[in-house]
Amino acid sequence: MGQAPGSMPAYGAPYGAAAAAPLKTNGMAVASLVLSCVGIIPFLIGIPCVLGIIFGFVSRSQIRNSNGTQGGSGLALAGIIVGFSLIAIAVIGIIIAVAIGNSCTTVNGYTSCSTN
């Protein structure tokens, strides 16, 4: 027995291709990447990078515990990587600035410091 065109299939019967529900992207994962990228602005003193790293770890935990209903793990990971990278670059820049800015020499017991 066939089914009339346009009618609904019986309960439990296949109805075309099964459509998977789209994953919802975790909002904290997006915020993690955005905050980490905003952390490149010098006058913000790297605070967004720290928040981006925190949001990244929290969102990856939420995604892991969502039983496959949330996505965005890659965004969160990118936020963590960008945040740590920008903090590392800032620390290296500060070390270089301090090393170049304070050059002191000692000759015969006398210390002479010059700032460039």
PDB file of N, CA and C in Angstrom:
ATOM      1  N   MET A   1       0.831  -1.167   0.000  1.00  0.00           N
ATOM      2  CA  MET A   1       0.000   0.000   0.000  1.00  0.00           C
ATOM      3  C   MET A   1       0.876   1.230   0.000  1.00  0.00           C
ATOM      4  N   GLY A   2       0.657   2.055  -0.983  1.00  0.00           N
ATOM      5  CA  GLY A   2       1.433   3.285  -1.079  1.00  0.00           C
ATOM      6  C   GLY A   2       0.805   4.385  -0.251  1.00  0.00           C
ATOM      7  N   GLN A   3       1.498   5.461  -0.242  1.00  0.00           N
ATOM      8  CA  GLN A   3       1.042   6.599   0.536  1.00  0.00           C
ATOM      9  C   GLN A   3       0.605   7.679  -0.436  1.00  0.00           C
ATOM     10  N   ALA A   4      -0.448   8.342  -0.127  1.00  0.00           N
ATOM     11  CA  ALA A   4      -0.945   9.393  -1.006  1.00  0.00           C
ATOM     12  C   ALA A   4       0.034  10.560  -1.007  1.00  0.00           C
ATOM     13  N   PRO A   5       0.235  11.162  -2.167  1.00  0.00           N
ATOM     14  CA  PRO A   5       1.147  12.301  -2.232  1.00  0.00           C
ATOM     15  C   PRO A   5       0.684  13.420  -1.314  1.00  0.00           C
ATOM     16  N   GLY A   6       1.637  13.997  -0.584  1.00  0.00           N
ATOM     17  CA  GLY A   6       1.329  15.110   0.308  1.00  0.00           C
ATOM     18  C   GLY A   6       0.861  14.708   1.686  1.00  0.00           C
ATOM     19  N   SER A   7       0.648  13.397   1.929  1.00  0.00           N
ATOM     20  CA  SER A   7       0.201  12.991   3.259  1.00  0.00           C
ATOM     21  C   SER A   7       1.408  12.701   4.137  1.00  0.00           C
ATOM     22  N   MET A   8       1.206  12.754   5.411  1.00  0.00           N
ATOM     23  CA  MET A   8       2.275  12.528   6.380  1.00  0.00           C
ATOM     24  C   MET A   8       2.521  11.030   6.541  1.00  0.00           C
ATOM     25  N   PRO A   9       3.761  10.621   6.737  1.00  0.00           N
ATOM     26  CA  PRO A   9       4.029   9.198   6.946  1.00  0.00           C
ATOM     27  C   PRO A   9       3.537   8.760   8.319  1.00  0.00           C
ATOM     28  N   ALA A  10       3.353   7.465   8.480  1.00  0.00           N
ATOM     29  CA  ALA A  10       2.907   6.908   9.744  1.00  0.00           C
ATOM     30  C   ALA A  10       3.993   7.116  10.798  1.00  0.00           C
ATOM     31  N   TYR A  11       3.589   7.038  12.053  1.00  0.00           N
ATOM     32  CA  TYR A  11       4.527   7.241  13.159  1.00  0.00           C
ATOM     33  C   TYR A  11       5.667   6.228  13.051  1.00  0.00           C
ATOM     34  N   GLY A  12       6.899   6.721  13.116  1.00  0.00           N
ATOM     35  CA  GLY A  12       8.061   5.845  13.072  1.00  0.00           C
ATOM     36  C   GLY A  12       8.541   5.542  11.666  1.00  0.00           C
ATOM     37  N   ALA A  13       7.772   5.920  10.654  1.00  0.00           N
ATOM     38  CA  ALA A  13       8.175   5.651   9.279  1.00  0.00           C
ATOM     39  C   ALA A  13       9.174   6.716   8.825  1.00  0.00           C
ATOM     40  N   PRO A  14      10.113   6.318   7.984  1.00  0.00           N
ATOM     41  CA  PRO A  14      11.087   7.314   7.505  1.00  0.00           C
ATOM     42  C   PRO A  14      10.407   8.364   6.642  1.00  0.00           C
ATOM     43  N   TYR A  15      10.813   9.567   6.764  1.00  0.00           N
ATOM     44  CA  TYR A  15      10.241  10.666   6.000  1.00  0.00           C
ATOM     45  C   TYR A  15      11.373  11.430   5.333  1.00  0.00           C
ATOM     46  N   GLY A  16      11.808  10.989   4.186  1.00  0.00           N
ATOM     47  CA  GLY A  16      12.914  11.642   3.485  1.00  0.00           C
ATOM     48  C   GLY A  16      14.213  11.473   4.258  1.00  0.00           C
ATOM     49  N   ALA A  17      15.121  12.365   4.024  1.00  0.00           N
ATOM     50  CA  ALA A  17      16.408  12.330   4.723  1.00  0.00           C
ATOM     51  C   ALA A  17      16.234  12.928   6.110  1.00  0.00           C
ATOM     52  N   ALA A  18      16.852  12.290   7.071  1.00  0.00           N
ATOM     53  CA  ALA A  18      16.775  12.798   8.438  1.00  0.00           C
ATOM     54  C   ALA A  18      17.596  14.077   8.535  1.00  0.00           C
ATOM     55  N   ALA A  19      16.984  15.134   9.002  1.00  0.00           N
ATOM     56  CA  ALA A  19      17.678  16.412   9.133  1.00  0.00           C
ATOM     57  C   ALA A  19      18.235  16.539  10.541  1.00  0.00           C
ATOM     58  N   ALA A  20      19.535  16.784  10.616  1.00  0.00           N
ATOM     59  CA  ALA A  20      20.162  16.966  11.919  1.00  0.00           C
ATOM     60  C   ALA A  20      19.934  18.403  12.373  1.00  0.00           C
ATOM     61  N   ALA A  21      19.701  18.554  13.646  1.00  0.00           N
ATOM     62  CA  ALA A  21      19.520  19.892  14.203  1.00  0.00           C
ATOM     63  C   ALA A  21      20.853  20.635  14.149  1.00  0.00           C
ATOM     64  N   PRO A  22      20.843  21.883  13.716  1.00  0.00           N
ATOM     65  CA  PRO A  22      22.102  22.629  13.638  1.00  0.00           C
ATOM     66  C   PRO A  22      22.652  22.907  15.040  1.00  0.00           C
ATOM     67  N   LEU A  23      23.976  22.879  15.143  1.00  0.00           N
ATOM     68  CA  LEU A  23      24.604  23.171  16.419  1.00  0.00           C
ATOM     69  C   LEU A  23      24.503  24.659  16.716  1.00  0.00           C
ATOM     70  N   LYS A  24      24.265  24.975  17.972  1.00  0.00           N
ATOM     71  CA  LYS A  24      24.290  26.368  18.390  1.00  0.00           C
ATOM     72  C   LYS A  24      25.717  26.698  18.804  1.00  0.00           C
ATOM     73  N   THR A  25      26.221  27.803  18.313  1.00  0.00           N
ATOM     74  CA  THR A  25      27.567  28.222  18.680  1.00  0.00           C
ATOM     75  C   THR A  25      27.521  28.858  20.060  1.00  0.00           C
ATOM     76  N   ASN A  26      28.410  28.408  20.916  1.00  0.00           N
ATOM     77  CA  ASN A  26      28.487  28.934  22.273  1.00  0.00           C
ATOM     78  C   ASN A  26      28.887  30.406  22.217  1.00  0.00           C
ATOM     79  N   GLY A  27      28.108  31.262  22.855  1.00  0.00           N
ATOM     80  CA  GLY A  27      28.368  32.696  22.843  1.00  0.00           C
ATOM     81  C   GLY A  27      29.668  33.074  23.530  1.00  0.00           C
ATOM     82  N   MET A  28      30.029  32.333  24.546  1.00  0.00           N
ATOM     83  CA  MET A  28      31.281  32.636  25.243  1.00  0.00           C
ATOM     84  C   MET A  28      32.484  32.311  24.375  1.00  0.00           C
ATOM     85  N   ALA A  29      32.345  31.358  23.467  1.00  0.00           N
ATOM     86  CA  ALA A  29      33.436  31.042  22.550  1.00  0.00           C
ATOM     87  C   ALA A  29      33.678  32.207  21.595  1.00  0.00           C
ATOM     88  N   VAL A  30      32.603  32.790  21.100  1.00  0.00           N
ATOM     89  CA  VAL A  30      32.724  33.958  20.228  1.00  0.00           C
ATOM     90  C   VAL A  30      33.327  35.125  21.013  1.00  0.00           C
ATOM     91  N   ALA A  31      32.832  35.334  22.233  1.00  0.00           N
ATOM     92  CA  ALA A  31      33.354  36.420  23.075  1.00  0.00           C
ATOM     93  C   ALA A  31      34.833  36.217  23.378  1.00  0.00           C
ATOM     94  N   SER A  32      35.245  34.979  23.546  1.00  0.00           N
ATOM     95  CA  SER A  32      36.650  34.681  23.818  1.00  0.00           C
ATOM     96  C   SER A  32      37.539  35.164  22.690  1.00  0.00           C
ATOM     97  N   LEU A  33      37.171  34.836  21.463  1.00  0.00           N
ATOM     98  CA  LEU A  33      37.977  35.238  20.309  1.00  0.00           C
ATOM     99  C   LEU A  33      37.941  36.753  20.113  1.00  0.00           C
ATOM    100  N   VAL A  34      36.774  37.354  20.267  1.00  0.00           N
ATOM    101  CA  VAL A  34      36.658  38.806  20.080  1.00  0.00           C
ATOM    102  C   VAL A  34      37.478  39.545  21.128  1.00  0.00           C
ATOM    103  N   LEU A  35      37.354  39.157  22.387  1.00  0.00           N
ATOM    104  CA  LEU A  35      38.105  39.829  23.448  1.00  0.00           C
ATOM    105  C   LEU A  35      39.608  39.662  23.266  1.00  0.00           C
ATOM    106  N   SER A  36      40.031  38.485  22.886  1.00  0.00           N
ATOM    107  CA  SER A  36      41.460  38.260  22.683  1.00  0.00           C
ATOM    108  C   SER A  36      41.987  39.131  21.554  1.00  0.00           C
ATOM    109  N   CYS A  37      41.214  39.290  20.490  1.00  0.00           N
ATOM    110  CA  CYS A  37      41.646  40.139  19.371  1.00  0.00           C
ATOM    111  C   CYS A  37      41.641  41.615  19.760  1.00  0.00           C
ATOM    112  N   VAL A  38      40.684  42.033  20.568  1.00  0.00           N
ATOM    113  CA  VAL A  38      40.623  43.426  21.019  1.00  0.00           C
ATOM    114  C   VAL A  38      41.798  43.734  21.949  1.00  0.00           C
ATOM    115  N   GLY A  39      42.371  42.725  22.549  1.00  0.00           N
ATOM    116  CA  GLY A  39      43.491  42.910  23.464  1.00  0.00           C
ATOM    117  C   GLY A  39      44.735  43.475  22.813  1.00  0.00           C
ATOM    118  N   ILE A  40      44.760  43.579  21.501  1.00  0.00           N
ATOM    119  CA  ILE A  40      45.927  44.139  20.817  1.00  0.00           C
ATOM    120  C   ILE A  40      45.978  45.663  20.972  1.00  0.00           C
ATOM    121  N   ILE A  41      44.879  46.269  21.360  1.00  0.00           N
ATOM    122  CA  ILE A  41      44.843  47.721  21.561  1.00  0.00           C
ATOM    123  C   ILE A  41      45.681  48.059  22.795  1.00  0.00           C
ATOM    124  N   PRO A  42      46.738  48.873  22.629  1.00  0.00           N
ATOM    125  CA  PRO A  42      47.712  49.085  23.712  1.00  0.00           C
ATOM    126  C   PRO A  42      47.143  49.694  24.993  1.00  0.00           C
ATOM    127  N   PHE A  43      46.248  50.681  24.891  1.00  0.00           N
ATOM    128  CA  PHE A  43      45.811  51.363  26.107  1.00  0.00           C
ATOM    129  C   PHE A  43      44.870  50.527  26.970  1.00  0.00           C
ATOM    130  N   LEU A  44      44.474  49.363  26.526  1.00  0.00           N
ATOM    131  CA  LEU A  44      43.614  48.487  27.333  1.00  0.00           C
ATOM    132  C   LEU A  44      44.430  47.594  28.267  1.00  0.00           C
ATOM    133  N   ILE A  45      45.730  47.652  28.161  1.00  0.00           N
ATOM    134  CA  ILE A  45      46.676  46.982  29.061  1.00  0.00           C
ATOM    135  C   ILE A  45      46.484  45.468  29.110  1.00  0.00           C
ATOM    136  N   GLY A  46      46.010  44.862  28.062  1.00  0.00           N
ATOM    137  CA  GLY A  46      45.903  43.409  27.995  1.00  0.00           C
ATOM    138  C   GLY A  46      44.761  42.789  28.774  1.00  0.00           C
ATOM    139  N   ILE A  47      43.915  43.603  29.383  1.00  0.00           N
ATOM    140  CA  ILE A  47      42.790  43.065  30.163  1.00  0.00           C
ATOM    141  C   ILE A  47      41.855  42.231  29.285  1.00  0.00           C
ATOM    142  N   PRO A  48      41.532  42.673  28.065  1.00  0.00           N
ATOM    143  CA  PRO A  48      40.670  41.826  27.221  1.00  0.00           C
ATOM    144  C   PRO A  48      41.290  40.470  26.910  1.00  0.00           C
ATOM    145  N   CYS A  49      42.617  40.405  26.797  1.00  0.00           N
ATOM    146  CA  CYS A  49      43.271  39.116  26.534  1.00  0.00           C
ATOM    147  C   CYS A  49      43.033  38.141  27.677  1.00  0.00           C
ATOM    148  N   VAL A  50      43.168  38.642  28.890  1.00  0.00           N
ATOM    149  CA  VAL A  50      42.959  37.784  30.068  1.00  0.00           C
ATOM    150  C   VAL A  50      41.511  37.303  30.100  1.00  0.00           C
ATOM    151  N   LEU A  51      40.572  38.213  29.836  1.00  0.00           N
ATOM    152  CA  LEU A  51      39.163  37.817  29.806  1.00  0.00           C
ATOM    153  C   LEU A  51      38.893  36.826  28.671  1.00  0.00           C
ATOM    154  N   GLY A  52      39.536  37.039  27.524  1.00  0.00           N
ATOM    155  CA  GLY A  52      39.371  36.118  26.401  1.00  0.00           C
ATOM    156  C   GLY A  52      39.853  34.719  26.734  1.00  0.00           C
ATOM    157  N   ILE A  53      40.960  34.632  27.456  1.00  0.00           N
ATOM    158  CA  ILE A  53      41.493  33.320  27.864  1.00  0.00           C
ATOM    159  C   ILE A  53      40.526  32.638  28.835  1.00  0.00           C
ATOM    160  N   ILE A  54      40.039  33.395  29.799  1.00  0.00           N
ATOM    161  CA  ILE A  54      39.095  32.831  30.784  1.00  0.00           C
ATOM    162  C   ILE A  54      37.826  32.363  30.079  1.00  0.00           C
ATOM    163  N   PHE A  55      37.257  33.225  29.222  1.00  0.00           N
ATOM    164  CA  PHE A  55      36.042  32.849  28.492  1.00  0.00           C
ATOM    165  C   PHE A  55      36.287  31.624  27.624  1.00  0.00           C
ATOM    166  N   GLY A  56      37.470  31.522  27.036  1.00  0.00           N
ATOM    167  CA  GLY A  56      37.795  30.377  26.191  1.00  0.00           C
ATOM    168  C   GLY A  56      37.762  29.071  26.956  1.00  0.00           C
ATOM    169  N   PHE A  57      38.394  29.056  28.132  1.00  0.00           N
ATOM    170  CA  PHE A  57      38.392  27.822  28.921  1.00  0.00           C
ATOM    171  C   PHE A  57      36.998  27.474  29.438  1.00  0.00           C
ATOM    172  N   VAL A  58      36.238  28.488  29.865  1.00  0.00           N
ATOM    173  CA  VAL A  58      34.884  28.233  30.361  1.00  0.00           C
ATOM    174  C   VAL A  58      33.992  27.709  29.229  1.00  0.00           C
ATOM    175  N   SER A  59      34.087  28.330  28.051  1.00  0.00           N
ATOM    176  CA  SER A  59      33.229  27.897  26.948  1.00  0.00           C
ATOM    177  C   SER A  59      33.599  26.501  26.451  1.00  0.00           C
ATOM    178  N   ARG A  60      34.897  26.170  26.433  1.00  0.00           N
ATOM    179  CA  ARG A  60      35.271  24.802  26.025  1.00  0.00           C
ATOM    180  C   ARG A  60      34.704  23.783  27.001  1.00  0.00           C
ATOM    181  N   SER A  61      34.668  24.122  28.277  1.00  0.00           N
ATOM    182  CA  SER A  61      34.079  23.228  29.273  1.00  0.00           C
ATOM    183  C   SER A  61      32.571  23.092  29.033  1.00  0.00           C
ATOM    184  N   GLN A  62      31.904  24.204  28.764  1.00  0.00           N
ATOM    185  CA  GLN A  62      30.467  24.164  28.495  1.00  0.00           C
ATOM    186  C   GLN A  62      30.158  23.348  27.242  1.00  0.00           C
ATOM    187  N   ILE A  63      30.968  23.515  26.207  1.00  0.00           N
ATOM    188  CA  ILE A  63      30.750  22.776  24.958  1.00  0.00           C
ATOM    189  C   ILE A  63      30.943  21.280  25.188  1.00  0.00           C
ATOM    190  N   ARG A  64      31.974  20.932  25.965  1.00  0.00           N
ATOM    191  CA  ARG A  64      32.241  19.518  26.265  1.00  0.00           C
ATOM    192  C   ARG A  64      31.080  18.899  27.035  1.00  0.00           C
ATOM    193  N   ASN A  65      30.458  19.676  27.933  1.00  0.00           N
ATOM    194  CA  ASN A  65      29.377  19.149  28.765  1.00  0.00           C
ATOM    195  C   ASN A  65      27.998  19.272  28.116  1.00  0.00           C
ATOM    196  N   SER A  66      27.916  19.787  26.880  1.00  0.00           N
ATOM    197  CA  SER A  66      26.616  20.010  26.255  1.00  0.00           C
ATOM    198  C   SER A  66      26.078  18.787  25.517  1.00  0.00           C
ATOM    199  N   ASN A  67      26.800  17.697  25.514  1.00  0.00           N
ATOM    200  CA  ASN A  67      26.380  16.467  24.819  1.00  0.00           C
ATOM    201  C   ASN A  67      26.121  16.702  23.333  1.00  0.00           C
ATOM    202  N   GLY A  68      26.950  17.502  22.709  1.00  0.00           N
ATOM    203  CA  GLY A  68      26.857  17.703  21.279  1.00  0.00           C
ATOM    204  C   GLY A  68      25.838  18.713  20.813  1.00  0.00           C
ATOM    205  N   THR A  69      25.241  19.475  21.715  1.00  0.00           N
ATOM    206  CA  THR A  69      24.246  20.460  21.297  1.00  0.00           C
ATOM    207  C   THR A  69      24.855  21.828  21.029  1.00  0.00           C
ATOM    208  N   GLN A  70      26.102  22.036  21.460  1.00  0.00           N
ATOM    209  CA  GLN A  70      26.765  23.316  21.247  1.00  0.00           C
ATOM    210  C   GLN A  70      28.032  23.125  20.447  1.00  0.00           C
ATOM    211  N   GLY A  71      28.347  24.107  19.631  1.00  0.00           N
ATOM    212  CA  GLY A  71      29.584  24.108  18.865  1.00  0.00           C
ATOM    213  C   GLY A  71      30.397  25.334  19.220  1.00  0.00           C
ATOM    214  N   GLY A  72      31.521  25.500  18.548  1.00  0.00           N
ATOM    215  CA  GLY A  72      32.359  26.668  18.772  1.00  0.00           C
ATOM    216  C   GLY A  72      33.627  26.367  19.517  1.00  0.00           C
ATOM    217  N   SER A  73      33.973  25.094  19.635  1.00  0.00           N
ATOM    218  CA  SER A  73      35.186  24.727  20.352  1.00  0.00           C
ATOM    219  C   SER A  73      36.423  25.317  19.680  1.00  0.00           C
ATOM    220  N   GLY A  74      36.409  25.371  18.351  1.00  0.00           N
ATOM    221  CA  GLY A  74      37.535  25.942  17.614  1.00  0.00           C
ATOM    222  C   GLY A  74      37.669  27.438  17.862  1.00  0.00           C
ATOM    223  N   LEU A  75      36.534  28.137  17.955  1.00  0.00           N
ATOM    224  CA  LEU A  75      36.576  29.563  18.259  1.00  0.00           C
ATOM    225  C   LEU A  75      37.165  29.802  19.643  1.00  0.00           C
ATOM    226  N   ALA A  76      36.752  28.982  20.603  1.00  0.00           N
ATOM    227  CA  ALA A  76      37.270  29.132  21.964  1.00  0.00           C
ATOM    228  C   ALA A  76      38.763  28.850  22.001  1.00  0.00           C
ATOM    229  N   LEU A  77      39.198  27.820  21.297  1.00  0.00           N
ATOM    230  CA  LEU A  77      40.618  27.498  21.260  1.00  0.00           C
ATOM    231  C   LEU A  77      41.411  28.624  20.608  1.00  0.00           C
ATOM    232  N   ALA A  78      40.870  29.197  19.535  1.00  0.00           N
ATOM    233  CA  ALA A  78      41.537  30.325  18.883  1.00  0.00           C
ATOM    234  C   ALA A  78      41.631  31.516  19.823  1.00  0.00           C
ATOM    235  N   GLY A  79      40.592  31.763  20.610  1.00  0.00           N
ATOM    236  CA  GLY A  79      40.623  32.851  21.588  1.00  0.00           C
ATOM    237  C   GLY A  79      41.698  32.633  22.638  1.00  0.00           C
ATOM    238  N   ILE A  80      41.841  31.397  23.089  1.00  0.00           N
ATOM    239  CA  ILE A  80      42.869  31.072  24.078  1.00  0.00           C
ATOM    240  C   ILE A  80      44.260  31.280  23.484  1.00  0.00           C
ATOM    241  N   ILE A  81      44.468  30.795  22.276  1.00  0.00           N
ATOM    242  CA  ILE A  81      45.786  30.901  21.638  1.00  0.00           C
ATOM    243  C   ILE A  81      46.140  32.360  21.364  1.00  0.00           C
ATOM    244  N   VAL A  82      45.190  33.125  20.814  1.00  0.00           N
ATOM    245  CA  VAL A  82      45.455  34.534  20.520  1.00  0.00           C
ATOM    246  C   VAL A  82      45.720  35.304  21.810  1.00  0.00           C
ATOM    247  N   GLY A  83      44.942  35.035  22.854  1.00  0.00           N
ATOM    248  CA  GLY A  83      45.135  35.723  24.133  1.00  0.00           C
ATOM    249  C   GLY A  83      46.513  35.468  24.718  1.00  0.00           C
ATOM    250  N   PHE A  84      46.916  34.202  24.778  1.00  0.00           N
ATOM    251  CA  PHE A  84      48.243  33.877  25.319  1.00  0.00           C
ATOM    252  C   PHE A  84      49.352  34.459  24.436  1.00  0.00           C
ATOM    253  N   SER A  85      49.159  34.443  23.118  1.00  0.00           N
ATOM    254  CA  SER A  85      50.177  34.974  22.201  1.00  0.00           C
ATOM    255  C   SER A  85      50.373  36.470  22.400  1.00  0.00           C
ATOM    256  N   LEU A  86      49.270  37.217  22.506  1.00  0.00           N
ATOM    257  CA  LEU A  86      49.388  38.658  22.689  1.00  0.00           C
ATOM    258  C   LEU A  86      50.004  39.007  24.048  1.00  0.00           C
ATOM    259  N   ILE A  87      49.688  38.234  25.074  1.00  0.00           N
ATOM    260  CA  ILE A  87      50.305  38.473  26.381  1.00  0.00           C
ATOM    261  C   ILE A  87      51.801  38.195  26.310  1.00  0.00           C
ATOM    262  N   ALA A  88      52.194  37.117  25.634  1.00  0.00           N
ATOM    263  CA  ALA A  88      53.617  36.790  25.492  1.00  0.00           C
ATOM    264  C   ALA A  88      54.351  37.880  24.719  1.00  0.00           C
ATOM    265  N   ILE A  89      53.741  38.380  23.651  1.00  0.00           N
ATOM    266  CA  ILE A  89      54.367  39.455  22.870  1.00  0.00           C
ATOM    267  C   ILE A  89      54.523  40.710  23.722  1.00  0.00           C
ATOM    268  N   ALA A  90      53.521  41.024  24.538  1.00  0.00           N
ATOM    269  CA  ALA A  90      53.599  42.204  25.409  1.00  0.00           C
ATOM    270  C   ALA A  90      54.714  42.053  26.437  1.00  0.00           C
ATOM    271  N   VAL A  91      54.837  40.867  27.024  1.00  0.00           N
ATOM    272  CA  VAL A  91      55.883  40.636  28.025  1.00  0.00           C
ATOM    273  C   VAL A  91      57.264  40.757  27.381  1.00  0.00           C
ATOM    274  N   ILE A  92      57.428  40.184  26.205  1.00  0.00           N
ATOM    275  CA  ILE A  92      58.711  40.278  25.502  1.00  0.00           C
ATOM    276  C   ILE A  92      59.017  41.737  25.158  1.00  0.00           C
ATOM    277  N   GLY A  93      58.006  42.483  24.727  1.00  0.00           N
ATOM    278  CA  GLY A  93      58.192  43.900  24.421  1.00  0.00           C
ATOM    279  C   GLY A  93      58.606  44.708  25.636  1.00  0.00           C
ATOM    280  N   ILE A  94      58.008  44.417  26.778  1.00  0.00           N
ATOM    281  CA  ILE A  94      58.373  45.120  28.015  1.00  0.00           C
ATOM    282  C   ILE A  94      59.804  44.794  28.406  1.00  0.00           C
ATOM    283  N   ILE A  95      60.191  43.539  28.288  1.00  0.00           N
ATOM    284  CA  ILE A  95      61.566  43.137  28.629  1.00  0.00           C
ATOM    285  C   ILE A  95      62.564  43.849  27.717  1.00  0.00           C
ATOM    286  N   ILE A  96      62.272  43.910  26.440  1.00  0.00           N
ATOM    287  CA  ILE A  96      63.174  44.588  25.498  1.00  0.00           C
ATOM    288  C   ILE A  96      63.233  46.085  25.801  1.00  0.00           C
ATOM    289  N   ALA A  97      62.081  46.687  26.094  1.00  0.00           N
ATOM    290  CA  ALA A  97      62.057  48.125  26.397  1.00  0.00           C
ATOM    291  C   ALA A  97      62.859  48.443  27.648  1.00  0.00           C
ATOM    292  N   VAL A  98      62.758  47.605  28.662  1.00  0.00           N
ATOM    293  CA  VAL A  98      63.518  47.826  29.892  1.00  0.00           C
ATOM    294  C   VAL A  98      65.005  47.624  29.638  1.00  0.00           C
ATOM    295  N   ALA A  99      65.358  46.624  28.854  1.00  0.00           N
ATOM    296  CA  ALA A  99      66.768  46.350  28.571  1.00  0.00           C
ATOM    297  C   ALA A  99      67.406  47.479  27.766  1.00  0.00           C
ATOM    298  N   ILE A 100      66.675  48.024  26.813  1.00  0.00           N
ATOM    299  CA  ILE A 100      67.215  49.106  25.989  1.00  0.00           C
ATOM    300  C   ILE A 100      67.195  50.432  26.753  1.00  0.00           C
ATOM    301  N   GLY A 101      66.170  50.651  27.538  1.00  0.00           N
ATOM    302  CA  GLY A 101      65.999  51.923  28.230  1.00  0.00           C
ATOM    303  C   GLY A 101      66.994  52.157  29.347  1.00  0.00           C
ATOM    304  N   ASN A 102      67.456  51.143  30.007  1.00  0.00           N
ATOM    305  CA  ASN A 102      68.374  51.298  31.129  1.00  0.00           C
ATOM    306  C   ASN A 102      69.682  50.593  30.809  1.00  0.00           C
ATOM    307  N   SER A 103      70.608  51.332  30.275  1.00  0.00           N
ATOM    308  CA  SER A 103      71.915  50.739  30.025  1.00  0.00           C
ATOM    309  C   SER A 103      72.926  51.400  30.954  1.00  0.00           C
ATOM    310  N   CYS A 104      73.395  50.654  31.908  1.00  0.00           N
ATOM    311  CA  CYS A 104      74.352  51.149  32.892  1.00  0.00           C
ATOM    312  C   CYS A 104      75.689  50.440  32.699  1.00  0.00           C
ATOM    313  N   THR A 105      76.750  51.198  32.857  1.00  0.00           N
ATOM    314  CA  THR A 105      78.085  50.609  32.786  1.00  0.00           C
ATOM    315  C   THR A 105      78.866  50.992  34.029  1.00  0.00           C
ATOM    316  N   THR A 106      79.707  50.104  34.474  1.00  0.00           N
ATOM    317  CA  THR A 106      80.556  50.366  35.635  1.00  0.00           C
ATOM    318  C   THR A 106      82.009  50.315  35.191  1.00  0.00           C
ATOM    319  N   VAL A 107      82.727  51.422  35.411  1.00  0.00           N
ATOM    320  CA  VAL A 107      84.132  51.515  35.051  1.00  0.00           C
ATOM    321  C   VAL A 107      84.890  52.041  36.272  1.00  0.00           C
ATOM    322  N   ASN A 108      85.866  51.284  36.740  1.00  0.00           N
ATOM    323  CA  ASN A 108      86.693  51.656  37.890  1.00  0.00           C
ATOM    324  C   ASN A 108      85.858  52.018  39.115  1.00  0.00           C
ATOM    325  N   GLY A 109      84.788  51.290  39.339  1.00  0.00           N
ATOM    326  CA  GLY A 109      83.970  51.503  40.519  1.00  0.00           C
ATOM    327  C   GLY A 109      82.923  52.575  40.370  1.00  0.00           C
ATOM    328  N   TYR A 110      82.905  53.273  39.248  1.00  0.00           N
ATOM    329  CA  TYR A 110      81.922  54.322  39.010  1.00  0.00           C
ATOM    330  C   TYR A 110      80.854  53.809  38.037  1.00  0.00           C
ATOM    331  N   THR A 111      79.601  53.980  38.434  1.00  0.00           N
ATOM    332  CA  THR A 111      78.497  53.507  37.587  1.00  0.00           C
ATOM    333  C   THR A 111      77.927  54.688  36.834  1.00  0.00           C
ATOM    334  N   SER A 112      77.800  54.510  35.550  1.00  0.00           N
ATOM    335  CA  SER A 112      77.233  55.546  34.695  1.00  0.00           C
ATOM    336  C   SER A 112      76.031  54.952  33.974  1.00  0.00           C
ATOM    337  N   CYS A 113      74.881  55.581  34.150  1.00  0.00           N
ATOM    338  CA  CYS A 113      73.662  55.107  33.499  1.00  0.00           C
ATOM    339  C   CYS A 113      73.192  56.135  32.503  1.00  0.00           C
ATOM    340  N   SER A 114      72.785  55.663  31.358  1.00  0.00           N
ATOM    341  CA  SER A 114      72.233  56.568  30.341  1.00  0.00           C
ATOM    342  C   SER A 114      70.933  55.961  29.839  1.00  0.00           C
ATOM    343  N   THR A 115      70.001  56.861  29.581  1.00  0.00           N
ATOM    344  CA  THR A 115      68.740  56.404  29.006  1.00  0.00           C
ATOM    345  C   THR A 115      68.694  56.867  27.560  1.00  0.00           C
ATOM    346  N   ASN A 116      68.235  55.991  26.703  1.00  0.00           N
ATOM    347  CA  ASN A 116      68.207  56.312  25.273  1.00  0.00           C
ATOM    348  C   ASN A 116      66.900  56.913  24.884  1.00  0.00           C
TER     349      ASN A 116
END
